[in-house]
Amino acid sequence: MSEQQPAQCAQCSRGIDDADVPVVRGDEWFHFPCWQVLFPADTIRESRKLTRRSRESLDTSRELVERLHALAPAAGHPELLS
């Protein structure tokens, strides 16, 4: 095993040797098959985070449009309502 590789996979805790093709994420090392098991969970987590951010962005945009519609007539710009 090379000096840079850890002794164990972060998922299964079995040793990683020179014959393995490890996947490195941050400071964690994985056997490729172990990574494949974790990858879908990671993808789902990232997708949910992006979905939450998108909803927050839409809510913020909606609030800004509502404020603009409320301010447009008072500012003498009714054309902003269309």
C-alpha atoms as a PDB file:
ATOM      1  CA  MET A   1       0.000   0.000   0.000  1.00  0.00           C
ATOM      2  CA  SER A   2       1.313   3.472  -0.814  1.00  0.00           C
ATOM      3  CA  GLU A   3       2.223   5.820   2.023  1.00  0.00           C
ATOM      4  CA  GLN A   4      -0.635   8.211   1.187  1.00  0.00           C
ATOM      5  CA  GLN A   5      -3.428   5.637   1.346  1.00  0.00           C
ATOM      6  CA  PRO A   6      -5.139   4.915   4.683  1.00  0.00           C
ATOM      7  CA  ALA A   7      -5.329   1.377   5.970  1.00  0.00           C
ATOM      8  CA  GLN A   8      -9.132   1.155   5.828  1.00  0.00           C
ATOM      9  CA  CYS A   9     -12.163   1.990   3.735  1.00  0.00           C
ATOM     10  CA  ALA A  10     -14.394   4.588   5.438  1.00  0.00           C
ATOM     11  CA  GLN A  11     -17.500   2.551   4.534  1.00  0.00           C
ATOM     12  CA  CYS A  12     -16.648  -1.088   5.249  1.00  0.00           C
ATOM     13  CA  SER A  13     -13.483  -0.702   7.348  1.00  0.00           C
ATOM     14  CA  ARG A  14     -11.693  -3.366   5.287  1.00  0.00           C
ATOM     15  CA  GLY A  15      -8.167  -2.654   4.260  1.00  0.00           C
ATOM     16  CA  ILE A  16      -7.317  -0.823   1.049  1.00  0.00           C
ATOM     17  CA  ASP A  17      -4.333  -2.251  -0.768  1.00  0.00           C
ATOM     18  CA  ASP A  18      -2.450  -1.481  -3.964  1.00  0.00           C
ATOM     19  CA  ALA A  19      -4.741  -3.747  -6.011  1.00  0.00           C
ATOM     20  CA  ASP A  20      -7.810  -1.664  -5.075  1.00  0.00           C
ATOM     21  CA  VAL A  21      -8.935   1.383  -7.007  1.00  0.00           C
ATOM     22  CA  PRO A  22      -9.917   3.728  -4.197  1.00  0.00           C
ATOM     23  CA  VAL A  23     -12.189   6.740  -4.356  1.00  0.00           C
ATOM     24  CA  VAL A  24     -11.124   9.690  -2.229  1.00  0.00           C
ATOM     25  CA  ARG A  25     -13.573  12.228  -0.893  1.00  0.00           C
ATOM     26  CA  GLY A  26     -12.042  14.815   1.384  1.00  0.00           C
ATOM     27  CA  ASP A  27      -9.905  12.871   3.795  1.00  0.00           C
ATOM     28  CA  GLU A  28     -11.939   9.666   3.466  1.00  0.00           C
ATOM     29  CA  TRP A  29     -10.968   6.735   1.254  1.00  0.00           C
ATOM     30  CA  PHE A  30     -13.396   4.136  -0.133  1.00  0.00           C
ATOM     31  CA  HIS A  31     -13.248   0.944  -2.157  1.00  0.00           C
ATOM     32  CA  PHE A  32     -14.966   1.692  -5.469  1.00  0.00           C
ATOM     33  CA  PRO A  33     -17.856  -0.749  -4.754  1.00  0.00           C
ATOM     34  CA  CYS A  34     -18.378   0.847  -1.328  1.00  0.00           C
ATOM     35  CA  TRP A  35     -18.446   4.273  -2.965  1.00  0.00           C
ATOM     36  CA  GLN A  36     -21.079   3.091  -5.433  1.00  0.00           C
ATOM     37  CA  VAL A  37     -23.318   2.144  -2.503  1.00  0.00           C
ATOM     38  CA  LEU A  38     -22.893   5.573  -0.906  1.00  0.00           C
ATOM     39  CA  PHE A  39     -23.093   7.618  -4.100  1.00  0.00           C
ATOM     40  CA  PRO A  40     -26.892   7.408  -4.572  1.00  0.00           C
ATOM     41  CA  ALA A  41     -27.471   8.597  -1.005  1.00  0.00           C
ATOM     42  CA  ASP A  42     -25.091  11.500  -1.591  1.00  0.00           C
ATOM     43  CA  THR A  43     -26.854  12.390  -4.853  1.00  0.00           C
ATOM     44  CA  ILE A  44     -30.255  12.348  -3.165  1.00  0.00           C
ATOM     45  CA  ARG A  45     -28.990  14.544  -0.343  1.00  0.00           C
ATOM     46  CA  GLU A  46     -27.488  17.059  -2.807  1.00  0.00           C
ATOM     47  CA  SER A  47     -30.680  17.049  -4.896  1.00  0.00           C
ATOM     48  CA  ARG A  48     -32.809  17.804  -1.844  1.00  0.00           C
ATOM     49  CA  LYS A  49     -30.492  20.642  -0.863  1.00  0.00           C
ATOM     50  CA  LEU A  50     -30.724  22.154  -4.362  1.00  0.00           C
ATOM     51  CA  THR A  51     -34.508  21.763  -4.368  1.00  0.00           C
ATOM     52  CA  ARG A  52     -34.731  23.574  -1.030  1.00  0.00           C
ATOM     53  CA  ARG A  53     -32.536  26.410  -2.328  1.00  0.00           C
ATOM     54  CA  SER A  54     -34.653  26.697  -5.479  1.00  0.00           C
ATOM     55  CA  ARG A  55     -37.844  26.965  -3.442  1.00  0.00           C
ATOM     56  CA  GLU A  56     -36.280  29.617  -1.222  1.00  0.00           C
ATOM     57  CA  SER A  57     -35.184  31.553  -4.310  1.00  0.00           C
ATOM     58  CA  LEU A  58     -38.666  31.360  -5.813  1.00  0.00           C
ATOM     59  CA  ASP A  59     -40.207  32.540  -2.540  1.00  0.00           C
ATOM     60  CA  THR A  60     -37.811  35.479  -2.406  1.00  0.00           C
ATOM     61  CA  SER A  61     -38.563  36.387  -6.027  1.00  0.00           C
ATOM     62  CA  ARG A  62     -42.281  36.173  -5.390  1.00  0.00           C
ATOM     63  CA  GLU A  63     -41.955  38.477  -2.378  1.00  0.00           C
ATOM     64  CA  LEU A  64     -39.959  41.004  -4.421  1.00  0.00           C
ATOM     65  CA  VAL A  65     -42.552  41.013  -7.202  1.00  0.00           C
ATOM     66  CA  GLU A  66     -45.339  41.525  -4.665  1.00  0.00           C
ATOM     67  CA  ARG A  67     -43.457  44.468  -3.149  1.00  0.00           C
ATOM     68  CA  LEU A  68     -42.895  45.961  -6.592  1.00  0.00           C
ATOM     69  CA  HIS A  69     -46.588  45.673  -7.391  1.00  0.00           C
ATOM     70  CA  ALA A  70     -47.442  47.341  -4.087  1.00  0.00           C
ATOM     71  CA  LEU A  71     -44.985  50.195  -4.647  1.00  0.00           C
ATOM     72  CA  ALA A  72     -45.557  50.831  -8.380  1.00  0.00           C
ATOM     73  CA  PRO A  73     -48.803  52.842  -8.126  1.00  0.00           C
ATOM     74  CA  ALA A  74     -47.534  54.880  -5.188  1.00  0.00           C
ATOM     75  CA  ALA A  75     -44.365  55.745  -7.106  1.00  0.00           C
ATOM     76  CA  GLY A  76     -46.361  56.919 -10.109  1.00  0.00           C
ATOM     77  CA  HIS A  77     -45.347  53.976 -12.296  1.00  0.00           C
ATOM     78  CA  PRO A  78     -48.523  51.963 -13.006  1.00  0.00           C
ATOM     79  CA  GLU A  79     -46.842  50.507 -16.111  1.00  0.00           C
ATOM     80  CA  LEU A  80     -44.720  48.335 -13.801  1.00  0.00           C
ATOM     81  CA  LEU A  81     -47.840  46.387 -12.915  1.00  0.00           C
ATOM     82  CA  SER A  82     -48.139  44.747 -16.321  1.00  0.00           C
END
